[in-house]
Amino acid sequence: MTPEQLAVAKKAMALQDQVKETALKLQQKYVEVSTDLVCCRVSLALEVLWIIPTPQGQQKNIDALLPELQAILNKAISAAKQQAEAEMMQVIGDVRMNLE
């Protein structure tokens, strides 16, 4: 590994550590909403399992990687939102059945 590739890998590892810290902070947070009729608390946990540059990405500097990483994370968040919406519909259905 060249010194430049090593530097990029170190920066990527540091970025990965920052993402882990952010994910831990998110895991500790929740949203709580109350109305006159119902209360709900929902966790905002989003777990990033790993982030590594590809061999091609190792040849680029960290500034070149960040826009792609942001795009990938936005796609992951969108997918998580879709999953959460599907789960919400399931919860609403379950609550409806339990209340009838």
PDB file of N, CA and C in Angstrom:
ATOM      1  N   MET A   1       0.848  -1.164   0.000  1.00  0.00           N
ATOM      2  CA  MET A   1       0.000   0.000   0.000  1.00  0.00           C
ATOM      3  C   MET A   1       0.900   1.235   0.000  1.00  0.00           C
ATOM      4  N   THR A   2       0.598   2.149  -0.878  1.00  0.00           N
ATOM      5  CA  THR A   2       1.402   3.372  -0.969  1.00  0.00           C
ATOM      6  C   THR A   2       1.080   4.289   0.214  1.00  0.00           C
ATOM      7  N   PRO A   3       1.971   5.238   0.503  1.00  0.00           N
ATOM      8  CA  PRO A   3       1.681   6.178   1.598  1.00  0.00           C
ATOM      9  C   PRO A   3       0.373   6.947   1.380  1.00  0.00           C
ATOM     10  N   GLU A   4       0.097   7.294   0.117  1.00  0.00           N
ATOM     11  CA  GLU A   4      -1.149   8.012  -0.176  1.00  0.00           C
ATOM     12  C   GLU A   4      -2.366   7.130   0.106  1.00  0.00           C
ATOM     13  N   GLN A   5      -2.295   5.867  -0.309  1.00  0.00           N
ATOM     14  CA  GLN A   5      -3.395   4.944  -0.051  1.00  0.00           C
ATOM     15  C   GLN A   5      -3.572   4.722   1.448  1.00  0.00           C
ATOM     16  N   LEU A   6      -2.465   4.648   2.169  1.00  0.00           N
ATOM     17  CA  LEU A   6      -2.521   4.485   3.616  1.00  0.00           C
ATOM     18  C   LEU A   6      -3.191   5.697   4.261  1.00  0.00           C
ATOM     19  N   ALA A   7      -2.848   6.881   3.789  1.00  0.00           N
ATOM     20  CA  ALA A   7      -3.459   8.100   4.323  1.00  0.00           C
ATOM     21  C   ALA A   7      -4.965   8.114   4.061  1.00  0.00           C
ATOM     22  N   VAL A   8      -5.370   7.709   2.853  1.00  0.00           N
ATOM     23  CA  VAL A   8      -6.794   7.655   2.517  1.00  0.00           C
ATOM     24  C   VAL A   8      -7.498   6.629   3.396  1.00  0.00           C
ATOM     25  N   ALA A   9      -6.858   5.484   3.598  1.00  0.00           N
ATOM     26  CA  ALA A   9      -7.450   4.442   4.445  1.00  0.00           C
ATOM     27  C   ALA A   9      -7.610   4.938   5.881  1.00  0.00           C
ATOM     28  N   LYS A  10      -6.602   5.662   6.385  1.00  0.00           N
ATOM     29  CA  LYS A  10      -6.689   6.199   7.749  1.00  0.00           C
ATOM     30  C   LYS A  10      -7.824   7.208   7.859  1.00  0.00           C
ATOM     31  N   LYS A  11      -7.963   8.064   6.844  1.00  0.00           N
ATOM     32  CA  LYS A  11      -9.048   9.043   6.854  1.00  0.00           C
ATOM     33  C   LYS A  11     -10.400   8.333   6.798  1.00  0.00           C
ATOM     34  N   ALA A  12     -10.482   7.287   5.983  1.00  0.00           N
ATOM     35  CA  ALA A  12     -11.731   6.534   5.872  1.00  0.00           C
ATOM     36  C   ALA A  12     -12.071   5.857   7.200  1.00  0.00           C
ATOM     37  N   MET A  13     -11.056   5.337   7.880  1.00  0.00           N
ATOM     38  CA  MET A  13     -11.286   4.711   9.182  1.00  0.00           C
ATOM     39  C   MET A  13     -11.748   5.750  10.206  1.00  0.00           C
ATOM     40  N   ALA A  14     -11.158   6.934  10.156  1.00  0.00           N
ATOM     41  CA  ALA A  14     -11.572   8.004  11.063  1.00  0.00           C
ATOM     42  C   ALA A  14     -13.020   8.398  10.782  1.00  0.00           C
ATOM     43  N   LEU A  15     -13.373   8.469   9.499  1.00  0.00           N
ATOM     44  CA  LEU A  15     -14.743   8.785   9.114  1.00  0.00           C
ATOM     45  C   LEU A  15     -15.692   7.702   9.619  1.00  0.00           C
ATOM     46  N   GLN A  16     -15.274   6.457   9.487  1.00  0.00           N
ATOM     47  CA  GLN A  16     -16.090   5.344   9.959  1.00  0.00           C
ATOM     48  C   GLN A  16     -16.318   5.461  11.471  1.00  0.00           C
ATOM     49  N   ASP A  17     -15.288   5.837  12.219  1.00  0.00           N
ATOM     50  CA  ASP A  17     -15.434   6.030  13.663  1.00  0.00           C
ATOM     51  C   ASP A  17     -16.425   7.149  13.965  1.00  0.00           C
ATOM     52  N   GLN A  18     -16.365   8.228  13.179  1.00  0.00           N
ATOM     53  CA  GLN A  18     -17.304   9.337  13.377  1.00  0.00           C
ATOM     54  C   GLN A  18     -18.734   8.888  13.112  1.00  0.00           C
ATOM     55  N   VAL A  19     -18.917   8.073  12.068  1.00  0.00           N
ATOM     56  CA  VAL A  19     -20.253   7.571  11.748  1.00  0.00           C
ATOM     57  C   VAL A  19     -20.755   6.672  12.874  1.00  0.00           C
ATOM     58  N   LYS A  20     -19.870   5.832  13.429  1.00  0.00           N
ATOM     59  CA  LYS A  20     -20.264   4.975  14.551  1.00  0.00           C
ATOM     60  C   LYS A  20     -20.708   5.818  15.742  1.00  0.00           C
ATOM     61  N   GLU A  21     -19.959   6.879  16.038  1.00  0.00           N
ATOM     62  CA  GLU A  21     -20.322   7.760  17.152  1.00  0.00           C
ATOM     63  C   GLU A  21     -21.688   8.396  16.913  1.00  0.00           C
ATOM     64  N   THR A  22     -21.925   8.842  15.686  1.00  0.00           N
ATOM     65  CA  THR A  22     -23.214   9.443  15.352  1.00  0.00           C
ATOM     66  C   THR A  22     -24.331   8.414  15.479  1.00  0.00           C
ATOM     67  N   ALA A  23     -24.071   7.197  15.014  1.00  0.00           N
ATOM     68  CA  ALA A  23     -25.074   6.135  15.118  1.00  0.00           C
ATOM     69  C   ALA A  23     -25.394   5.838  16.581  1.00  0.00           C
ATOM     70  N   LEU A  24     -24.374   5.816  17.430  1.00  0.00           N
ATOM     71  CA  LEU A  24     -24.614   5.592  18.859  1.00  0.00           C
ATOM     72  C   LEU A  24     -25.472   6.705  19.451  1.00  0.00           C
ATOM     73  N   LYS A  25     -25.195   7.935  19.047  1.00  0.00           N
ATOM     74  CA  LYS A  25     -26.006   9.055  19.528  1.00  0.00           C
ATOM     75  C   LYS A  25     -27.455   8.903  19.065  1.00  0.00           C
ATOM     76  N   LEU A  26     -27.629   8.476  17.814  1.00  0.00           N
ATOM     77  CA  LEU A  26     -28.983   8.287  17.294  1.00  0.00           C
ATOM     78  C   LEU A  26     -29.710   7.174  18.036  1.00  0.00           C
ATOM     79  N   GLN A  27     -28.984   6.124  18.409  1.00  0.00           N
ATOM     80  CA  GLN A  27     -29.608   5.014  19.112  1.00  0.00           C
ATOM     81  C   GLN A  27     -30.137   5.449  20.474  1.00  0.00           C
ATOM     82  N   GLN A  28     -29.568   6.480  21.032  1.00  0.00           N
ATOM     83  CA  GLN A  28     -29.990   6.940  22.342  1.00  0.00           C
ATOM     84  C   GLN A  28     -31.154   7.922  22.248  1.00  0.00           C
ATOM     85  N   LYS A  29     -31.520   8.311  21.061  1.00  0.00           N
ATOM     86  CA  LYS A  29     -32.561   9.317  20.887  1.00  0.00           C
ATOM     87  C   LYS A  29     -33.878   8.668  20.478  1.00  0.00           C
ATOM     88  N   TYR A  30     -34.923   9.382  20.733  1.00  0.00           N
ATOM     89  CA  TYR A  30     -36.244   8.924  20.351  1.00  0.00           C
ATOM     90  C   TYR A  30     -37.140  10.134  20.117  1.00  0.00           C
ATOM     91  N   VAL A  31     -38.254   9.868  19.499  1.00  0.00           N
ATOM     92  CA  VAL A  31     -39.274  10.893  19.301  1.00  0.00           C
ATOM     93  C   VAL A  31     -40.492  10.457  20.098  1.00  0.00           C
ATOM     94  N   GLU A  32     -41.022  11.361  20.859  1.00  0.00           N
ATOM     95  CA  GLU A  32     -42.236  11.071  21.614  1.00  0.00           C
ATOM     96  C   GLU A  32     -43.284  12.095  21.217  1.00  0.00           C
ATOM     97  N   VAL A  33     -44.445  11.611  20.850  1.00  0.00           N
ATOM     98  CA  VAL A  33     -45.533  12.485  20.414  1.00  0.00           C
ATOM     99  C   VAL A  33     -46.785  12.115  21.200  1.00  0.00           C
ATOM    100  N   SER A  34     -47.467  13.123  21.680  1.00  0.00           N
ATOM    101  CA  SER A  34     -48.712  12.900  22.419  1.00  0.00           C
ATOM    102  C   SER A  34     -49.797  13.806  21.854  1.00  0.00           C
ATOM    103  N   THR A  35     -50.978  13.254  21.768  1.00  0.00           N
ATOM    104  CA  THR A  35     -52.157  14.043  21.428  1.00  0.00           C
ATOM    105  C   THR A  35     -53.184  13.793  22.525  1.00  0.00           C
ATOM    106  N   ASP A  36     -54.379  14.309  22.366  1.00  0.00           N
ATOM    107  CA  ASP A  36     -55.425  14.064  23.357  1.00  0.00           C
ATOM    108  C   ASP A  36     -55.817  12.590  23.412  1.00  0.00           C
ATOM    109  N   LEU A  37     -55.621  11.875  22.308  1.00  0.00           N
ATOM    110  CA  LEU A  37     -56.124  10.505  22.220  1.00  0.00           C
ATOM    111  C   LEU A  37     -55.066   9.414  22.300  1.00  0.00           C
ATOM    112  N   VAL A  38     -53.815   9.733  21.998  1.00  0.00           N
ATOM    113  CA  VAL A  38     -52.802   8.672  21.942  1.00  0.00           C
ATOM    114  C   VAL A  38     -51.411   9.251  22.167  1.00  0.00           C
ATOM    115  N   CYS A  39     -50.519   8.416  22.717  1.00  0.00           N
ATOM    116  CA  CYS A  39     -49.107   8.777  22.904  1.00  0.00           C
ATOM    117  C   CYS A  39     -48.254   7.726  22.201  1.00  0.00           C
ATOM    118  N   CYS A  40     -47.084   8.147  21.733  1.00  0.00           N
ATOM    119  CA  CYS A  40     -46.211   7.210  21.023  1.00  0.00           C
ATOM    120  C   CYS A  40     -44.762   7.636  21.216  1.00  0.00           C
ATOM    121  N   ARG A  41     -43.892   6.668  21.441  1.00  0.00           N
ATOM    122  CA  ARG A  41     -42.447   6.917  21.504  1.00  0.00           C
ATOM    123  C   ARG A  41     -41.789   5.985  20.487  1.00  0.00           C
ATOM    124  N   VAL A  42     -40.949   6.560  19.622  1.00  0.00           N
ATOM    125  CA  VAL A  42     -40.297   5.797  18.556  1.00  0.00           C
ATOM    126  C   VAL A  42     -38.798   6.053  18.605  1.00  0.00           C
ATOM    127  N   SER A  43     -38.026   4.977  18.570  1.00  0.00           N
ATOM    128  CA  SER A  43     -36.568   5.084  18.544  1.00  0.00           C
ATOM    129  C   SER A  43     -36.114   5.564  17.176  1.00  0.00           C
ATOM    130  N   LEU A  44     -35.055   6.365  17.164  1.00  0.00           N
ATOM    131  CA  LEU A  44     -34.479   6.844  15.909  1.00  0.00           C
ATOM    132  C   LEU A  44     -33.201   6.092  15.570  1.00  0.00           C
ATOM    133  N   ALA A  45     -33.075   4.866  16.032  1.00  0.00           N
ATOM    134  CA  ALA A  45     -31.848   4.095  15.842  1.00  0.00           C
ATOM    135  C   ALA A  45     -31.597   3.822  14.358  1.00  0.00           C
ATOM    136  N   LEU A  46     -30.400   4.114  13.935  1.00  0.00           N
ATOM    137  CA  LEU A  46     -29.936   3.797  12.588  1.00  0.00           C
ATOM    138  C   LEU A  46     -28.515   3.295  12.759  1.00  0.00           C
ATOM    139  N   GLU A  47     -28.286   2.043  12.437  1.00  0.00           N
ATOM    140  CA  GLU A  47     -26.980   1.440  12.693  1.00  0.00           C
ATOM    141  C   GLU A  47     -26.202   1.277  11.394  1.00  0.00           C
ATOM    142  N   VAL A  48     -25.055   1.894  11.325  1.00  0.00           N
ATOM    143  CA  VAL A  48     -24.156   1.716  10.188  1.00  0.00           C
ATOM    144  C   VAL A  48     -23.219   0.570  10.548  1.00  0.00           C
ATOM    145  N   LEU A  49     -23.259  -0.495   9.780  1.00  0.00           N
ATOM    146  CA  LEU A  49     -22.469  -1.677  10.113  1.00  0.00           C
ATOM    147  C   LEU A  49     -21.018  -1.547   9.694  1.00  0.00           C
ATOM    148  N   TRP A  50     -20.758  -0.988   8.539  1.00  0.00           N
ATOM    149  CA  TRP A  50     -19.375  -0.752   8.114  1.00  0.00           C
ATOM    150  C   TRP A  50     -19.343   0.214   6.949  1.00  0.00           C
ATOM    151  N   ILE A  51     -18.214   0.881   6.839  1.00  0.00           N
ATOM    152  CA  ILE A  51     -17.922   1.762   5.702  1.00  0.00           C
ATOM    153  C   ILE A  51     -16.465   1.538   5.357  1.00  0.00           C
ATOM    154  N   ILE A  52     -16.214   1.121   4.141  1.00  0.00           N
ATOM    155  CA  ILE A  52     -14.828   0.943   3.690  1.00  0.00           C
ATOM    156  C   ILE A  52     -14.708   1.453   2.260  1.00  0.00           C
ATOM    157  N   PRO A  53     -13.597   2.061   1.939  1.00  0.00           N
ATOM    158  CA  PRO A  53     -13.405   2.475   0.546  1.00  0.00           C
ATOM    159  C   PRO A  53     -13.084   1.254  -0.320  1.00  0.00           C
ATOM    160  N   THR A  54     -13.570   1.270  -1.541  1.00  0.00           N
ATOM    161  CA  THR A  54     -13.231   0.213  -2.490  1.00  0.00           C
ATOM    162  C   THR A  54     -11.774   0.402  -2.913  1.00  0.00           C
ATOM    163  N   PRO A  55     -11.192  -0.582  -3.589  1.00  0.00           N
ATOM    164  CA  PRO A  55      -9.823  -0.379  -4.081  1.00  0.00           C
ATOM    165  C   PRO A  55      -9.701   0.883  -4.939  1.00  0.00           C
ATOM    166  N   GLN A  56     -10.708   1.147  -5.756  1.00  0.00           N
ATOM    167  CA  GLN A  56     -10.690   2.368  -6.569  1.00  0.00           C
ATOM    168  C   GLN A  56     -10.808   3.596  -5.670  1.00  0.00           C
ATOM    169  N   GLY A  57     -11.634   3.505  -4.628  1.00  0.00           N
ATOM    170  CA  GLY A  57     -11.802   4.617  -3.705  1.00  0.00           C
ATOM    171  C   GLY A  57     -10.549   4.907  -2.902  1.00  0.00           C
ATOM    172  N   GLN A  58      -9.741   3.885  -2.663  1.00  0.00           N
ATOM    173  CA  GLN A  58      -8.498   4.075  -1.917  1.00  0.00           C
ATOM    174  C   GLN A  58      -7.507   4.937  -2.690  1.00  0.00           C
ATOM    175  N   GLN A  59      -7.688   5.006  -3.998  1.00  0.00           N
ATOM    176  CA  GLN A  59      -6.788   5.806  -4.822  1.00  0.00           C
ATOM    177  C   GLN A  59      -7.219   7.275  -4.872  1.00  0.00           C
ATOM    178  N   LYS A  60      -8.385   7.582  -4.330  1.00  0.00           N
ATOM    179  CA  LYS A  60      -8.899   8.956  -4.328  1.00  0.00           C
ATOM    180  C   LYS A  60      -8.648   9.579  -2.959  1.00  0.00           C
ATOM    181  N   ASN A  61      -8.764  10.894  -2.893  1.00  0.00           N
ATOM    182  CA  ASN A  61      -8.655  11.523  -1.577  1.00  0.00           C
ATOM    183  C   ASN A  61     -10.016  11.502  -0.890  1.00  0.00           C
ATOM    184  N   ILE A  62     -10.021  11.777   0.386  1.00  0.00           N
ATOM    185  CA  ILE A  62     -11.241  11.665   1.184  1.00  0.00           C
ATOM    186  C   ILE A  62     -12.332  12.615   0.695  1.00  0.00           C
ATOM    187  N   ASP A  63     -11.952  13.775   0.176  1.00  0.00           N
ATOM    188  CA  ASP A  63     -12.945  14.727  -0.318  1.00  0.00           C
ATOM    189  C   ASP A  63     -13.712  14.176  -1.511  1.00  0.00           C
ATOM    190  N   ALA A  64     -13.080  13.301  -2.276  1.00  0.00           N
ATOM    191  CA  ALA A  64     -13.763  12.682  -3.410  1.00  0.00           C
ATOM    192  C   ALA A  64     -14.734  11.601  -2.935  1.00  0.00           C
ATOM    193  N   LEU A  65     -14.441  10.981  -1.795  1.00  0.00           N
ATOM    194  CA  LEU A  65     -15.288   9.905  -1.283  1.00  0.00           C
ATOM    195  C   LEU A  65     -16.551  10.427  -0.594  1.00  0.00           C
ATOM    196  N   LEU A  66     -16.452  11.579   0.032  1.00  0.00           N
ATOM    197  CA  LEU A  66     -17.554  12.066   0.862  1.00  0.00           C
ATOM    198  C   LEU A  66     -18.870  12.273   0.117  1.00  0.00           C
ATOM    199  N   PRO A  67     -18.882  12.861  -1.095  1.00  0.00           N
ATOM    200  CA  PRO A  67     -20.168  13.010  -1.793  1.00  0.00           C
ATOM    201  C   PRO A  67     -20.833  11.660  -2.085  1.00  0.00           C
ATOM    202  N   GLU A  68     -20.031  10.671  -2.475  1.00  0.00           N
ATOM    203  CA  GLU A  68     -20.609   9.352  -2.731  1.00  0.00           C
ATOM    204  C   GLU A  68     -21.117   8.719  -1.449  1.00  0.00           C
ATOM    205  N   LEU A  69     -20.366   8.875  -0.364  1.00  0.00           N
ATOM    206  CA  LEU A  69     -20.800   8.338   0.919  1.00  0.00           C
ATOM    207  C   LEU A  69     -22.113   8.989   1.347  1.00  0.00           C
ATOM    208  N   GLN A  70     -22.214  10.294   1.167  1.00  0.00           N
ATOM    209  CA  GLN A  70     -23.449  10.989   1.525  1.00  0.00           C
ATOM    210  C   GLN A  70     -24.615  10.472   0.690  1.00  0.00           C
ATOM    211  N   ALA A  71     -24.399  10.258  -0.598  1.00  0.00           N
ATOM    212  CA  ALA A  71     -25.459   9.745  -1.468  1.00  0.00           C
ATOM    213  C   ALA A  71     -25.890   8.346  -1.030  1.00  0.00           C
ATOM    214  N   ILE A  72     -24.916   7.506  -0.696  1.00  0.00           N
ATOM    215  CA  ILE A  72     -25.229   6.141  -0.255  1.00  0.00           C
ATOM    216  C   ILE A  72     -26.013   6.176   1.058  1.00  0.00           C
ATOM    217  N   LEU A  73     -25.571   7.006   2.002  1.00  0.00           N
ATOM    218  CA  LEU A  73     -26.279   7.098   3.283  1.00  0.00           C
ATOM    219  C   LEU A  73     -27.688   7.655   3.097  1.00  0.00           C
ATOM    220  N   ASN A  74     -27.860   8.596   2.167  1.00  0.00           N
ATOM    221  CA  ASN A  74     -29.206   9.107   1.883  1.00  0.00           C
ATOM    222  C   ASN A  74     -30.105   8.007   1.337  1.00  0.00           C
ATOM    223  N   LYS A  75     -29.551   7.138   0.474  1.00  0.00           N
ATOM    224  CA  LYS A  75     -30.335   6.004  -0.034  1.00  0.00           C
ATOM    225  C   LYS A  75     -30.706   5.066   1.101  1.00  0.00           C
ATOM    226  N   ALA A  76     -29.760   4.811   2.006  1.00  0.00           N
ATOM    227  CA  ALA A  76     -30.028   3.926   3.141  1.00  0.00           C
ATOM    228  C   ALA A  76     -31.107   4.516   4.044  1.00  0.00           C
ATOM    229  N   ILE A  77     -31.042   5.820   4.271  1.00  0.00           N
ATOM    230  CA  ILE A  77     -32.042   6.481   5.109  1.00  0.00           C
ATOM    231  C   ILE A  77     -33.415   6.421   4.440  1.00  0.00           C
ATOM    232  N   SER A  78     -33.457   6.599   3.125  1.00  0.00           N
ATOM    233  CA  SER A  78     -34.727   6.503   2.396  1.00  0.00           C
ATOM    234  C   SER A  78     -35.311   5.099   2.505  1.00  0.00           C
ATOM    235  N   ALA A  79     -34.453   4.091   2.379  1.00  0.00           N
ATOM    236  CA  ALA A  79     -34.917   2.710   2.509  1.00  0.00           C
ATOM    237  C   ALA A  79     -35.416   2.447   3.930  1.00  0.00           C
ATOM    238  N   ALA A  80     -34.708   2.981   4.925  1.00  0.00           N
ATOM    239  CA  ALA A  80     -35.135   2.821   6.318  1.00  0.00           C
ATOM    240  C   ALA A  80     -36.482   3.504   6.543  1.00  0.00           C
ATOM    241  N   LYS A  81     -36.674   4.657   5.907  1.00  0.00           N
ATOM    242  CA  LYS A  81     -37.949   5.373   6.032  1.00  0.00           C
ATOM    243  C   LYS A  81     -39.084   4.548   5.435  1.00  0.00           C
ATOM    244  N   GLN A  82     -38.845   3.953   4.267  1.00  0.00           N
ATOM    245  CA  GLN A  82     -39.870   3.117   3.645  1.00  0.00           C
ATOM    246  C   GLN A  82     -40.208   1.929   4.537  1.00  0.00           C
ATOM    247  N   GLN A  83     -39.173   1.316   5.127  1.00  0.00           N
ATOM    248  CA  GLN A  83     -39.397   0.187   6.026  1.00  0.00           C
ATOM    249  C   GLN A  83     -40.184   0.638   7.258  1.00  0.00           C
ATOM    250  N   ALA A  84     -39.826   1.800   7.800  1.00  0.00           N
ATOM    251  CA  ALA A  84     -40.531   2.323   8.973  1.00  0.00           C
ATOM    252  C   ALA A  84     -41.997   2.601   8.646  1.00  0.00           C
ATOM    253  N   GLU A  85     -42.259   3.114   7.447  1.00  0.00           N
ATOM    254  CA  GLU A  85     -43.643   3.381   7.043  1.00  0.00           C
ATOM    255  C   GLU A  85     -44.430   2.081   6.928  1.00  0.00           C
ATOM    256  N   ALA A  86     -43.797   1.034   6.399  1.00  0.00           N
ATOM    257  CA  ALA A  86     -44.460  -0.268   6.304  1.00  0.00           C
ATOM    258  C   ALA A  86     -44.744  -0.822   7.701  1.00  0.00           C
ATOM    259  N   GLU A  87     -43.774  -0.685   8.601  1.00  0.00           N
ATOM    260  CA  GLU A  87     -43.975  -1.145   9.973  1.00  0.00           C
ATOM    261  C   GLU A  87     -45.066  -0.330  10.664  1.00  0.00           C
ATOM    262  N   MET A  88     -45.130   0.957  10.359  1.00  0.00           N
ATOM    263  CA  MET A  88     -46.169   1.808  10.934  1.00  0.00           C
ATOM    264  C   MET A  88     -47.549   1.296  10.533  1.00  0.00           C
ATOM    265  N   MET A  89     -47.708   0.933   9.282  1.00  0.00           N
ATOM    266  CA  MET A  89     -48.995   0.419   8.825  1.00  0.00           C
ATOM    267  C   MET A  89     -49.332  -0.880   9.548  1.00  0.00           C
ATOM    268  N   GLN A  90     -48.330  -1.714   9.791  1.00  0.00           N
ATOM    269  CA  GLN A  90     -48.547  -2.961  10.526  1.00  0.00           C
ATOM    270  C   GLN A  90     -48.966  -2.668  11.967  1.00  0.00           C
ATOM    271  N   VAL A  91     -48.293  -1.711  12.600  1.00  0.00           N
ATOM    272  CA  VAL A  91     -48.638  -1.340  13.979  1.00  0.00           C
ATOM    273  C   VAL A  91     -50.055  -0.794  14.043  1.00  0.00           C
ATOM    274  N   ILE A  92     -50.408   0.060  13.095  1.00  0.00           N
ATOM    275  CA  ILE A  92     -51.767   0.617  13.070  1.00  0.00           C
ATOM    276  C   ILE A  92     -52.791  -0.501  12.908  1.00  0.00           C
ATOM    277  N   GLY A  93     -52.498  -1.449  12.037  1.00  0.00           N
ATOM    278  CA  GLY A  93     -53.394  -2.592  11.861  1.00  0.00           C
ATOM    279  C   GLY A  93     -53.520  -3.411  13.135  1.00  0.00           C
ATOM    280  N   ASP A  94     -52.398  -3.643  13.817  1.00  0.00           N
ATOM    281  CA  ASP A  94     -52.419  -4.405  15.070  1.00  0.00           C
ATOM    282  C   ASP A  94     -53.211  -3.675  16.146  1.00  0.00           C
ATOM    283  N   VAL A  95     -52.998  -2.365  16.255  1.00  0.00           N
ATOM    284  CA  VAL A  95     -53.730  -1.575  17.254  1.00  0.00           C
ATOM    285  C   VAL A  95     -55.219  -1.605  16.949  1.00  0.00           C
ATOM    286  N   ARG A  96     -55.558  -1.465  15.683  1.00  0.00           N
ATOM    287  CA  ARG A  96     -56.970  -1.482  15.283  1.00  0.00           C
ATOM    288  C   ARG A  96     -57.612  -2.810  15.686  1.00  0.00           C
ATOM    289  N   MET A  97     -56.915  -3.929  15.432  1.00  0.00           N
ATOM    290  CA  MET A  97     -57.465  -5.244  15.783  1.00  0.00           C
ATOM    291  C   MET A  97     -57.604  -5.386  17.299  1.00  0.00           C
ATOM    292  N   ASN A  98     -56.626  -4.864  18.059  1.00  0.00           N
ATOM    293  CA  ASN A  98     -56.677  -4.982  19.514  1.00  0.00           C
ATOM    294  C   ASN A  98     -57.770  -4.119  20.134  1.00  0.00           C
ATOM    295  N   LEU A  99     -58.112  -3.027  19.476  1.00  0.00           N
ATOM    296  CA  LEU A  99     -59.122  -2.126  20.025  1.00  0.00           C
ATOM    297  C   LEU A  99     -60.546  -2.514  19.640  1.00  0.00           C
ATOM    298  N   GLU A 100     -60.689  -3.353  18.630  1.00  0.00           N
ATOM    299  CA  GLU A 100     -62.040  -3.739  18.173  1.00  0.00           C
ATOM    300  C   GLU A 100     -62.648  -4.785  19.060  1.00  0.00           C
TER     301      GLU A 100
END
